[in-house]
Amino acid sequence: MRLFIALHLAPATRAEIESIQDGLRAADHARQVRWVDPGGIHLTLQFLGEVPEDRAPALVQALGHAVSAHRACRLGLAGAGAFPNLRRARVLWLGLVEEGDALQALHRAVESATEPLGWQPERRPFQPHLTLGRVREGQGGRPLELRSELQHAVERVVPPGSEPRLHDRVALIRSHLSSAGARYEDLHSWRLAE
């Protein structure tokens, strides 16, 4: 099973993301991006990769202990960008702003829970972001250079000026990959304290 741990987004936040994504999609005249289904956008806390099915119960138990004491996260949307950069983008993303530090604490707790089970913490600093789309590859597997109209659209993304919202559900998620895109299935979820 291909698994990851994620924070689910509040429905109102998801609607704002869909609106931003629609604006970017309209600027993608050359269809350079494979857009993520807005219903599947989530905040990944840790990617686990391929996991034998018999290891899932230990993950559920460890994660339950780790997240039960954590507060819900108050998150708002920030600007958009690309990894590694807009000129040679592979991934288009939407940033987040946090009120407080609950998200960083939750991320550390998740990594601490999975480390004794064999998953190493990420060496890079945690960069919370929401993946909006993946740029199609050119010849030789290199990223395509984004057309200027799409680059400008990404640079001009201004999220709605709403207050940060409470995001209070963490899940262990199974990813089903197919040519039609990924489909996600919650194996287990936990509600965070408010």
N, C-alpha and C. Protein backbone atom coordinates (compact mmCIF):
# COMPACT_ATOMS: atom_id res chain seq x y z
N MET A 1 0.85 -1.19 0.00
CA MET A 1 0.00 0.00 0.00
C MET A 1 0.89 1.24 0.00
N ARG A 2 0.50 2.23 -0.78
CA ARG A 2 1.22 3.51 -0.81
C ARG A 2 0.54 4.44 0.18
N LEU A 3 1.25 4.82 1.25
CA LEU A 3 0.64 5.56 2.35
C LEU A 3 1.31 6.89 2.63
N PHE A 4 0.53 7.81 3.18
CA PHE A 4 1.05 9.07 3.71
C PHE A 4 0.14 9.54 4.82
N ILE A 5 0.62 10.50 5.59
CA ILE A 5 -0.13 11.08 6.70
C ILE A 5 -0.38 12.54 6.35
N ALA A 6 -1.63 12.98 6.51
CA ALA A 6 -1.97 14.33 6.06
C ALA A 6 -2.99 14.99 6.98
N LEU A 7 -3.01 16.31 6.91
CA LEU A 7 -4.02 17.13 7.56
C LEU A 7 -5.07 17.43 6.50
N HIS A 8 -6.33 17.07 6.79
CA HIS A 8 -7.42 17.39 5.86
C HIS A 8 -7.77 18.87 5.96
N LEU A 9 -8.25 19.42 4.87
CA LEU A 9 -8.57 20.84 4.81
C LEU A 9 -10.05 21.07 5.10
N ALA A 10 -10.33 22.22 5.72
CA ALA A 10 -11.70 22.62 5.99
C ALA A 10 -12.42 22.86 4.65
N PRO A 11 -13.71 22.55 4.57
CA PRO A 11 -14.44 22.73 3.30
C PRO A 11 -14.34 24.16 2.73
N ALA A 12 -14.40 25.18 3.56
CA ALA A 12 -14.31 26.56 3.06
C ALA A 12 -12.93 26.83 2.47
N THR A 13 -11.90 26.28 3.07
CA THR A 13 -10.53 26.44 2.54
C THR A 13 -10.43 25.73 1.19
N ARG A 14 -11.00 24.55 1.11
CA ARG A 14 -10.97 23.79 -0.13
C ARG A 14 -11.66 24.57 -1.26
N ALA A 15 -12.77 25.25 -0.95
CA ALA A 15 -13.48 26.04 -1.97
C ALA A 15 -12.62 27.20 -2.45
N GLU A 16 -11.89 27.85 -1.54
CA GLU A 16 -10.99 28.94 -1.93
C GLU A 16 -9.87 28.43 -2.83
N ILE A 17 -9.33 27.26 -2.49
CA ILE A 17 -8.26 26.66 -3.29
C ILE A 17 -8.77 26.35 -4.70
N GLU A 18 -9.97 25.82 -4.79
CA GLU A 18 -10.54 25.48 -6.09
C GLU A 18 -10.68 26.73 -6.96
N SER A 19 -11.08 27.84 -6.35
CA SER A 19 -11.22 29.09 -7.08
C SER A 19 -9.86 29.58 -7.61
N ILE A 20 -8.83 29.50 -6.76
CA ILE A 20 -7.48 29.89 -7.18
C ILE A 20 -6.99 28.99 -8.30
N GLN A 21 -7.21 27.69 -8.14
CA GLN A 21 -6.78 26.73 -9.14
C GLN A 21 -7.49 26.97 -10.47
N ASP A 22 -8.78 27.32 -10.43
CA ASP A 22 -9.52 27.61 -11.66
C ASP A 22 -8.90 28.79 -12.41
N GLY A 23 -8.47 29.83 -11.67
CA GLY A 23 -7.83 30.98 -12.29
C GLY A 23 -6.52 30.60 -12.96
N LEU A 24 -5.74 29.75 -12.31
CA LEU A 24 -4.47 29.31 -12.90
C LEU A 24 -4.71 28.41 -14.10
N ARG A 25 -5.70 27.55 -14.00
CA ARG A 25 -6.01 26.64 -15.11
C ARG A 25 -6.40 27.45 -16.36
N ALA A 26 -7.11 28.55 -16.16
CA ALA A 26 -7.51 29.40 -17.29
C ALA A 26 -6.30 30.02 -17.99
N ALA A 27 -5.20 30.21 -17.25
CA ALA A 27 -3.98 30.78 -17.84
C ALA A 27 -3.09 29.71 -18.46
N ASP A 28 -3.45 28.45 -18.29
CA ASP A 28 -2.64 27.33 -18.81
C ASP A 28 -3.12 26.95 -20.21
N HIS A 29 -3.00 27.88 -21.15
CA HIS A 29 -3.48 27.67 -22.52
C HIS A 29 -2.78 26.50 -23.21
N ALA A 30 -1.52 26.28 -22.88
CA ALA A 30 -0.75 25.21 -23.53
C ALA A 30 -0.92 23.86 -22.83
N ARG A 31 -1.73 23.83 -21.78
CA ARG A 31 -1.99 22.59 -21.01
C ARG A 31 -0.69 21.94 -20.56
N GLN A 32 0.14 22.76 -19.92
CA GLN A 32 1.43 22.28 -19.43
C GLN A 32 1.33 21.58 -18.08
N VAL A 33 0.20 21.73 -17.40
CA VAL A 33 0.08 21.24 -16.03
C VAL A 33 -1.00 20.16 -15.94
N ARG A 34 -0.69 19.12 -15.17
CA ARG A 34 -1.69 18.12 -14.77
C ARG A 34 -2.22 18.60 -13.42
N TRP A 35 -3.43 19.14 -13.41
CA TRP A 35 -3.99 19.75 -12.22
C TRP A 35 -4.51 18.69 -11.26
N VAL A 36 -4.23 18.89 -9.97
CA VAL A 36 -4.71 17.97 -8.94
C VAL A 36 -6.20 18.20 -8.74
N ASP A 37 -6.95 17.12 -8.58
CA ASP A 37 -8.37 17.22 -8.28
C ASP A 37 -8.52 17.99 -6.96
N PRO A 38 -9.27 19.09 -6.96
CA PRO A 38 -9.38 19.89 -5.73
C PRO A 38 -9.87 19.09 -4.53
N GLY A 39 -10.70 18.08 -4.76
CA GLY A 39 -11.18 17.24 -3.66
C GLY A 39 -10.08 16.43 -3.01
N GLY A 40 -8.96 16.25 -3.69
CA GLY A 40 -7.86 15.45 -3.15
C GLY A 40 -6.72 16.28 -2.59
N ILE A 41 -6.84 17.60 -2.61
CA ILE A 41 -5.75 18.44 -2.09
C ILE A 41 -5.74 18.34 -0.57
N HIS A 42 -4.57 18.14 -0.02
CA HIS A 42 -4.38 17.94 1.42
C HIS A 42 -3.00 18.49 1.80
N LEU A 43 -2.74 18.58 3.07
CA LEU A 43 -1.43 19.02 3.56
C LEU A 43 -0.68 17.79 4.07
N THR A 44 0.30 17.34 3.31
CA THR A 44 1.06 16.15 3.69
C THR A 44 1.96 16.46 4.89
N LEU A 45 1.85 15.63 5.91
CA LEU A 45 2.71 15.74 7.09
C LEU A 45 3.90 14.81 6.98
N GLN A 46 3.69 13.62 6.39
CA GLN A 46 4.79 12.70 6.14
C GLN A 46 4.38 11.69 5.07
N PHE A 47 5.25 11.52 4.08
CA PHE A 47 5.04 10.51 3.04
C PHE A 47 5.74 9.24 3.50
N LEU A 48 5.02 8.12 3.49
CA LEU A 48 5.58 6.86 3.96
C LEU A 48 6.01 5.94 2.83
N GLY A 49 5.41 6.08 1.64
CA GLY A 49 5.74 5.22 0.52
C GLY A 49 5.02 3.89 0.59
N GLU A 50 5.62 2.88 -0.03
CA GLU A 50 5.02 1.54 -0.06
C GLU A 50 5.16 0.88 1.32
N VAL A 51 4.05 0.44 1.86
CA VAL A 51 4.02 -0.13 3.20
C VAL A 51 3.26 -1.46 3.13
N PRO A 52 3.84 -2.56 3.65
CA PRO A 52 3.10 -3.82 3.69
C PRO A 52 1.84 -3.65 4.55
N GLU A 53 0.76 -4.28 4.11
CA GLU A 53 -0.54 -4.12 4.78
C GLU A 53 -0.49 -4.49 6.26
N ASP A 54 0.34 -5.47 6.62
CA ASP A 54 0.39 -5.91 8.02
C ASP A 54 1.06 -4.89 8.95
N ARG A 55 1.67 -3.83 8.39
CA ARG A 55 2.30 -2.80 9.23
C ARG A 55 1.33 -1.66 9.57
N ALA A 56 0.19 -1.63 8.90
CA ALA A 56 -0.78 -0.55 9.12
C ALA A 56 -1.29 -0.47 10.56
N PRO A 57 -1.62 -1.57 11.23
CA PRO A 57 -2.12 -1.45 12.61
C PRO A 57 -1.12 -0.77 13.56
N ALA A 58 0.17 -1.06 13.41
CA ALA A 58 1.17 -0.41 14.27
C ALA A 58 1.23 1.08 13.97
N LEU A 59 1.10 1.45 12.71
CA LEU A 59 1.07 2.88 12.35
C LEU A 59 -0.13 3.56 12.97
N VAL A 60 -1.30 2.94 12.86
CA VAL A 60 -2.52 3.53 13.43
C VAL A 60 -2.37 3.73 14.93
N GLN A 61 -1.83 2.74 15.62
CA GLN A 61 -1.65 2.86 17.06
C GLN A 61 -0.66 3.97 17.42
N ALA A 62 0.48 4.00 16.76
CA ALA A 62 1.50 5.01 17.06
C ALA A 62 0.99 6.42 16.75
N LEU A 63 0.32 6.57 15.62
CA LEU A 63 -0.19 7.88 15.25
C LEU A 63 -1.31 8.34 16.18
N GLY A 64 -2.14 7.40 16.61
CA GLY A 64 -3.21 7.75 17.55
C GLY A 64 -2.65 8.34 18.83
N HIS A 65 -1.60 7.73 19.36
CA HIS A 65 -0.96 8.26 20.57
C HIS A 65 -0.31 9.61 20.30
N ALA A 66 0.30 9.75 19.13
CA ALA A 66 1.04 10.98 18.81
C ALA A 66 0.14 12.18 18.60
N VAL A 67 -0.99 12.00 17.93
CA VAL A 67 -1.81 13.17 17.58
C VAL A 67 -2.90 13.48 18.60
N SER A 68 -3.23 12.55 19.48
CA SER A 68 -4.36 12.74 20.39
C SER A 68 -4.20 13.96 21.30
N ALA A 69 -3.00 14.32 21.63
CA ALA A 69 -2.78 15.44 22.55
C ALA A 69 -2.57 16.77 21.82
N HIS A 70 -2.63 16.78 20.50
CA HIS A 70 -2.31 18.00 19.75
C HIS A 70 -3.53 18.84 19.44
N ARG A 71 -3.27 20.14 19.38
CA ARG A 71 -4.32 21.11 19.06
C ARG A 71 -4.52 21.17 17.55
N ALA A 72 -5.74 21.55 17.18
CA ALA A 72 -6.04 21.78 15.77
C ALA A 72 -5.21 22.97 15.29
N CYS A 73 -4.99 23.02 13.99
CA CYS A 73 -4.17 24.07 13.39
C CYS A 73 -5.05 25.15 12.78
N ARG A 74 -4.67 26.42 13.01
CA ARG A 74 -5.38 27.54 12.40
C ARG A 74 -4.53 28.00 11.21
N LEU A 75 -5.05 27.72 10.00
CA LEU A 75 -4.29 27.97 8.78
C LEU A 75 -5.07 28.85 7.81
N GLY A 76 -4.33 29.71 7.12
CA GLY A 76 -4.88 30.51 6.04
C GLY A 76 -4.04 30.31 4.80
N LEU A 77 -4.55 30.73 3.66
CA LEU A 77 -3.84 30.58 2.41
C LEU A 77 -2.89 31.74 2.18
N ALA A 78 -1.76 31.45 1.55
CA ALA A 78 -0.76 32.47 1.20
C ALA A 78 -0.58 32.45 -0.32
N GLY A 79 0.49 33.03 -0.80
CA GLY A 79 0.75 33.11 -2.24
C GLY A 79 1.09 31.77 -2.86
N ALA A 80 1.24 31.78 -4.17
CA ALA A 80 1.56 30.57 -4.92
C ALA A 80 3.02 30.61 -5.37
N GLY A 81 3.53 29.46 -5.77
CA GLY A 81 4.90 29.37 -6.25
C GLY A 81 5.11 28.04 -6.95
N ALA A 82 6.38 27.70 -7.16
CA ALA A 82 6.71 26.46 -7.86
C ALA A 82 8.00 25.88 -7.29
N PHE A 83 8.09 24.56 -7.30
CA PHE A 83 9.33 23.87 -6.96
C PHE A 83 9.93 23.37 -8.26
N PRO A 84 11.22 23.51 -8.53
CA PRO A 84 12.19 24.26 -7.74
C PRO A 84 12.07 25.78 -7.92
N ASN A 85 11.53 26.22 -9.07
CA ASN A 85 11.29 27.65 -9.28
C ASN A 85 10.32 27.80 -10.45
N LEU A 86 9.85 29.01 -10.67
CA LEU A 86 8.84 29.22 -11.72
C LEU A 86 9.37 28.99 -13.12
N ARG A 87 10.64 29.24 -13.33
CA ARG A 87 11.19 29.08 -14.68
C ARG A 87 11.23 27.61 -15.10
N ARG A 88 11.65 26.75 -14.22
CA ARG A 88 11.75 25.31 -14.50
C ARG A 88 10.89 24.53 -13.49
N ALA A 89 9.64 24.84 -13.45
CA ALA A 89 8.74 24.28 -12.44
C ALA A 89 8.47 22.79 -12.67
N ARG A 90 8.39 22.08 -11.58
CA ARG A 90 7.92 20.69 -11.60
C ARG A 90 6.56 20.60 -10.89
N VAL A 91 6.41 21.39 -9.82
CA VAL A 91 5.19 21.39 -9.01
C VAL A 91 4.75 22.82 -8.79
N LEU A 92 3.46 23.09 -9.00
CA LEU A 92 2.88 24.38 -8.63
C LEU A 92 2.19 24.20 -7.28
N TRP A 93 2.42 25.14 -6.37
CA TRP A 93 1.90 25.00 -5.01
C TRP A 93 1.28 26.30 -4.52
N LEU A 94 0.51 26.13 -3.45
CA LEU A 94 -0.10 27.25 -2.75
C LEU A 94 0.43 27.20 -1.32
N GLY A 95 0.90 28.35 -0.84
CA GLY A 95 1.48 28.41 0.50
C GLY A 95 0.42 28.56 1.57
N LEU A 96 0.86 28.41 2.81
CA LEU A 96 -0.01 28.51 3.98
C LEU A 96 0.60 29.46 4.99
N VAL A 97 -0.25 30.11 5.74
CA VAL A 97 0.19 30.89 6.90
C VAL A 97 -0.50 30.28 8.11
N GLU A 98 0.22 30.25 9.21
CA GLU A 98 -0.32 29.64 10.42
C GLU A 98 -0.44 30.67 11.53
N GLU A 99 -1.53 30.56 12.24
CA GLU A 99 -1.71 31.36 13.45
C GLU A 99 -1.29 30.45 14.61
N GLY A 100 -0.15 30.74 15.23
CA GLY A 100 0.37 29.87 16.28
C GLY A 100 1.42 28.92 15.74
N ASP A 101 1.66 27.82 16.48
CA ASP A 101 2.70 26.87 16.07
C ASP A 101 2.23 25.42 16.14
N ALA A 102 0.92 25.20 16.10
CA ALA A 102 0.38 23.84 16.22
C ALA A 102 0.80 22.94 15.07
N LEU A 103 0.92 23.49 13.86
CA LEU A 103 1.28 22.67 12.70
C LEU A 103 2.69 22.12 12.82
N GLN A 104 3.64 22.95 13.19
CA GLN A 104 5.02 22.48 13.35
C GLN A 104 5.10 21.41 14.43
N ALA A 105 4.38 21.62 15.55
CA ALA A 105 4.38 20.64 16.64
C ALA A 105 3.75 19.32 16.18
N LEU A 106 2.68 19.41 15.41
CA LEU A 106 2.02 18.21 14.90
C LEU A 106 2.95 17.45 13.94
N HIS A 107 3.62 18.17 13.07
CA HIS A 107 4.56 17.53 12.14
C HIS A 107 5.66 16.79 12.90
N ARG A 108 6.23 17.45 13.93
CA ARG A 108 7.28 16.79 14.73
C ARG A 108 6.73 15.54 15.43
N ALA A 109 5.51 15.61 15.94
CA ALA A 109 4.91 14.46 16.63
C ALA A 109 4.70 13.29 15.68
N VAL A 110 4.26 13.58 14.46
CA VAL A 110 4.06 12.52 13.47
C VAL A 110 5.39 11.85 13.15
N GLU A 111 6.43 12.63 12.89
CA GLU A 111 7.74 12.02 12.59
C GLU A 111 8.28 11.24 13.78
N SER A 112 8.06 11.74 14.98
CA SER A 112 8.52 11.02 16.19
C SER A 112 7.79 9.70 16.36
N ALA A 113 6.52 9.66 15.95
CA ALA A 113 5.74 8.42 16.06
C ALA A 113 6.15 7.37 15.04
N THR A 114 6.54 7.81 13.84
CA THR A 114 6.87 6.84 12.79
C THR A 114 8.33 6.41 12.81
N GLU A 115 9.20 7.23 13.42
CA GLU A 115 10.63 6.89 13.42
C GLU A 115 10.92 5.54 14.07
N PRO A 116 10.34 5.21 15.25
CA PRO A 116 10.62 3.89 15.83
C PRO A 116 10.10 2.73 14.97
N LEU A 117 9.21 3.04 14.04
CA LEU A 117 8.66 2.00 13.15
C LEU A 117 9.46 1.87 11.86
N GLY A 118 10.55 2.68 11.74
CA GLY A 118 11.45 2.52 10.60
C GLY A 118 11.46 3.65 9.59
N TRP A 119 10.66 4.70 9.77
CA TRP A 119 10.66 5.83 8.84
C TRP A 119 11.53 6.95 9.40
N GLN A 120 12.48 7.38 8.60
CA GLN A 120 13.39 8.44 9.03
C GLN A 120 12.75 9.81 8.81
N PRO A 121 12.96 10.73 9.76
CA PRO A 121 12.46 12.09 9.56
C PRO A 121 13.11 12.72 8.32
N GLU A 122 12.38 13.58 7.67
CA GLU A 122 12.88 14.29 6.49
C GLU A 122 14.05 15.18 6.90
N ARG A 123 15.11 15.19 6.10
CA ARG A 123 16.28 16.03 6.41
C ARG A 123 16.02 17.50 6.10
N ARG A 124 15.21 17.73 5.06
CA ARG A 124 14.90 19.12 4.71
C ARG A 124 13.90 19.69 5.71
N PRO A 125 13.93 21.01 5.90
CA PRO A 125 12.94 21.62 6.80
C PRO A 125 11.53 21.42 6.25
N PHE A 126 10.58 21.31 7.14
CA PHE A 126 9.18 21.14 6.77
C PHE A 126 8.69 22.43 6.11
N GLN A 127 8.21 22.32 4.87
CA GLN A 127 7.69 23.46 4.12
C GLN A 127 6.23 23.19 3.79
N PRO A 128 5.33 23.59 4.68
CA PRO A 128 3.92 23.30 4.43
C PRO A 128 3.43 23.98 3.15
N HIS A 129 2.82 23.20 2.27
CA HIS A 129 2.30 23.72 1.01
C HIS A 129 1.23 22.76 0.49
N LEU A 130 0.43 23.26 -0.42
CA LEU A 130 -0.62 22.48 -1.04
C LEU A 130 -0.31 22.34 -2.52
N THR A 131 -0.18 21.13 -3.02
CA THR A 131 0.14 20.91 -4.43
C THR A 131 -1.10 21.16 -5.28
N LEU A 132 -0.99 22.11 -6.21
CA LEU A 132 -2.08 22.45 -7.12
C LEU A 132 -1.99 21.67 -8.43
N GLY A 133 -0.75 21.41 -8.88
CA GLY A 133 -0.57 20.70 -10.13
C GLY A 133 0.87 20.33 -10.36
N ARG A 134 1.08 19.39 -11.28
CA ARG A 134 2.43 18.95 -11.64
C ARG A 134 2.67 19.27 -13.11
N VAL A 135 3.81 19.88 -13.39
CA VAL A 135 4.13 20.30 -14.75
C VAL A 135 4.57 19.09 -15.56
N ARG A 136 4.04 19.00 -16.76
CA ARG A 136 4.40 17.88 -17.65
C ARG A 136 5.87 17.99 -18.02
N GLU A 137 6.50 16.86 -18.29
CA GLU A 137 7.91 16.83 -18.63
C GLU A 137 8.13 17.02 -20.11
N GLY A 138 9.25 17.65 -20.45
CA GLY A 138 9.65 17.80 -21.84
C GLY A 138 10.53 16.63 -22.24
N GLN A 139 11.29 16.80 -23.31
CA GLN A 139 12.20 15.74 -23.77
C GLN A 139 13.26 15.48 -22.72
N GLY A 140 13.61 14.21 -22.57
CA GLY A 140 14.65 13.82 -21.63
C GLY A 140 14.21 13.92 -20.17
N GLY A 141 12.90 14.05 -19.93
CA GLY A 141 12.41 14.12 -18.56
C GLY A 141 12.64 15.45 -17.88
N ARG A 142 13.08 16.46 -18.63
CA ARG A 142 13.30 17.78 -18.04
C ARG A 142 11.98 18.52 -17.93
N PRO A 143 11.84 19.38 -16.91
CA PRO A 143 10.61 20.15 -16.80
C PRO A 143 10.50 21.15 -17.96
N LEU A 144 9.28 21.35 -18.40
CA LEU A 144 9.03 22.34 -19.44
C LEU A 144 9.19 23.74 -18.85
N GLU A 145 9.60 24.67 -19.66
CA GLU A 145 9.60 26.06 -19.21
C GLU A 145 8.17 26.56 -19.30
N LEU A 146 7.66 27.07 -18.19
CA LEU A 146 6.27 27.53 -18.18
C LEU A 146 6.10 28.72 -19.11
N ARG A 147 4.99 28.74 -19.81
CA ARG A 147 4.67 29.89 -20.65
C ARG A 147 4.49 31.11 -19.77
N SER A 148 4.82 32.27 -20.31
CA SER A 148 4.82 33.49 -19.50
C SER A 148 3.46 33.81 -18.90
N GLU A 149 2.37 33.52 -19.63
CA GLU A 149 1.05 33.85 -19.07
C GLU A 149 0.75 33.04 -17.82
N LEU A 150 1.21 31.78 -17.78
CA LEU A 150 1.01 30.96 -16.59
C LEU A 150 1.95 31.41 -15.47
N GLN A 151 3.20 31.72 -15.81
CA GLN A 151 4.13 32.25 -14.80
C GLN A 151 3.54 33.49 -14.13
N HIS A 152 3.03 34.42 -14.95
CA HIS A 152 2.48 35.66 -14.41
C HIS A 152 1.24 35.38 -13.56
N ALA A 153 0.42 34.43 -13.96
CA ALA A 153 -0.77 34.08 -13.19
C ALA A 153 -0.38 33.54 -11.81
N VAL A 154 0.65 32.71 -11.75
CA VAL A 154 1.12 32.17 -10.47
C VAL A 154 1.64 33.31 -9.60
N GLU A 155 2.41 34.21 -10.18
CA GLU A 155 2.97 35.33 -9.41
C GLU A 155 1.89 36.27 -8.89
N ARG A 156 0.76 36.33 -9.58
CA ARG A 156 -0.30 37.26 -9.19
C ARG A 156 -1.33 36.66 -8.24
N VAL A 157 -1.18 35.40 -7.85
CA VAL A 157 -2.17 34.79 -6.96
C VAL A 157 -2.22 35.56 -5.65
N VAL A 158 -3.39 36.03 -5.33
CA VAL A 158 -3.64 36.70 -4.05
C VAL A 158 -4.79 35.95 -3.40
N PRO A 159 -4.50 35.20 -2.34
CA PRO A 159 -5.56 34.43 -1.69
C PRO A 159 -6.61 35.36 -1.08
N PRO A 160 -7.82 34.85 -0.91
CA PRO A 160 -8.85 35.65 -0.27
C PRO A 160 -8.38 36.12 1.10
N GLY A 161 -8.82 37.26 1.52
CA GLY A 161 -8.38 37.82 2.81
C GLY A 161 -9.14 37.29 3.99
N SER A 162 -9.41 36.01 4.01
CA SER A 162 -10.17 35.43 5.13
C SER A 162 -9.27 35.16 6.33
N GLU A 163 -9.89 35.05 7.48
CA GLU A 163 -9.16 34.69 8.70
C GLU A 163 -8.68 33.25 8.60
N PRO A 164 -7.57 32.93 9.27
CA PRO A 164 -7.16 31.51 9.30
C PRO A 164 -8.29 30.65 9.88
N ARG A 165 -8.46 29.47 9.31
CA ARG A 165 -9.51 28.55 9.73
C ARG A 165 -8.94 27.39 10.51
N LEU A 166 -9.80 26.80 11.32
CA LEU A 166 -9.44 25.63 12.09
C LEU A 166 -9.41 24.40 11.19
N HIS A 167 -8.31 23.66 11.23
CA HIS A 167 -8.17 22.40 10.49
C HIS A 167 -7.86 21.35 11.55
N ASP A 168 -8.79 20.41 11.73
CA ASP A 168 -8.72 19.57 12.92
C ASP A 168 -8.75 18.06 12.67
N ARG A 169 -8.46 17.64 11.43
CA ARG A 169 -8.51 16.20 11.16
C ARG A 169 -7.25 15.72 10.47
N VAL A 170 -6.59 14.74 11.10
CA VAL A 170 -5.39 14.10 10.56
C VAL A 170 -5.78 12.70 10.12
N ALA A 171 -5.19 12.23 9.02
CA ALA A 171 -5.54 10.89 8.53
C ALA A 171 -4.31 10.15 8.03
N LEU A 172 -4.37 8.84 8.17
CA LEU A 172 -3.45 7.93 7.49
C LEU A 172 -4.15 7.57 6.20
N ILE A 173 -3.53 7.92 5.07
CA ILE A 173 -4.21 7.85 3.78
C ILE A 173 -3.49 6.89 2.83
N ARG A 174 -4.30 6.12 2.14
CA ARG A 174 -3.79 5.24 1.09
C ARG A 174 -4.01 5.91 -0.25
N SER A 175 -2.98 5.91 -1.09
CA SER A 175 -3.04 6.50 -2.41
C SER A 175 -3.16 5.39 -3.44
N HIS A 176 -4.22 5.45 -4.25
CA HIS A 176 -4.41 4.52 -5.35
C HIS A 176 -4.04 5.26 -6.64
N LEU A 177 -2.95 4.86 -7.27
CA LEU A 177 -2.48 5.54 -8.47
C LEU A 177 -3.03 4.86 -9.72
N SER A 178 -3.41 5.70 -10.69
CA SER A 178 -3.87 5.18 -11.98
C SER A 178 -3.59 6.23 -13.05
N SER A 179 -3.82 5.86 -14.30
CA SER A 179 -3.59 6.82 -15.39
C SER A 179 -4.56 8.00 -15.31
N ALA A 180 -5.67 7.83 -14.61
CA ALA A 180 -6.65 8.91 -14.45
C ALA A 180 -6.28 9.84 -13.30
N GLY A 181 -5.21 9.53 -12.57
CA GLY A 181 -4.80 10.34 -11.42
C GLY A 181 -4.92 9.55 -10.13
N ALA A 182 -4.55 10.18 -9.04
CA ALA A 182 -4.57 9.50 -7.74
C ALA A 182 -5.96 9.58 -7.12
N ARG A 183 -6.33 8.51 -6.44
CA ARG A 183 -7.55 8.48 -5.63
C ARG A 183 -7.10 8.17 -4.20
N TYR A 184 -7.66 8.90 -3.23
CA TYR A 184 -7.22 8.77 -1.85
C TYR A 184 -8.29 8.12 -0.98
N GLU A 185 -7.81 7.28 -0.06
CA GLU A 185 -8.71 6.57 0.84
C GLU A 185 -8.16 6.71 2.27
N ASP A 186 -8.98 7.25 3.17
CA ASP A 186 -8.58 7.33 4.58
C ASP A 186 -8.63 5.93 5.17
N LEU A 187 -7.49 5.47 5.71
CA LEU A 187 -7.48 4.20 6.42
C LEU A 187 -7.91 4.41 7.87
N HIS A 188 -7.53 5.55 8.41
CA HIS A 188 -7.91 5.94 9.77
C HIS A 188 -7.75 7.43 9.91
N SER A 189 -8.61 8.07 10.70
CA SER A 189 -8.45 9.51 10.93
C SER A 189 -8.67 9.82 12.40
N TRP A 190 -8.11 10.97 12.79
CA TRP A 190 -8.19 11.41 14.18
C TRP A 190 -8.59 12.88 14.20
N ARG A 191 -9.40 13.24 15.17
CA ARG A 191 -9.80 14.64 15.36
C ARG A 191 -8.85 15.26 16.38
N LEU A 192 -8.34 16.44 16.05
CA LEU A 192 -7.43 17.16 16.95
C LEU A 192 -8.25 18.00 17.94
N ALA A 193 -7.68 18.27 19.09
CA ALA A 193 -8.36 19.08 20.11
C ALA A 193 -8.45 20.54 19.64
N GLU A 194 -9.54 21.21 20.01
CA GLU A 194 -9.71 22.61 19.62
C GLU A 194 -9.13 23.54 20.65
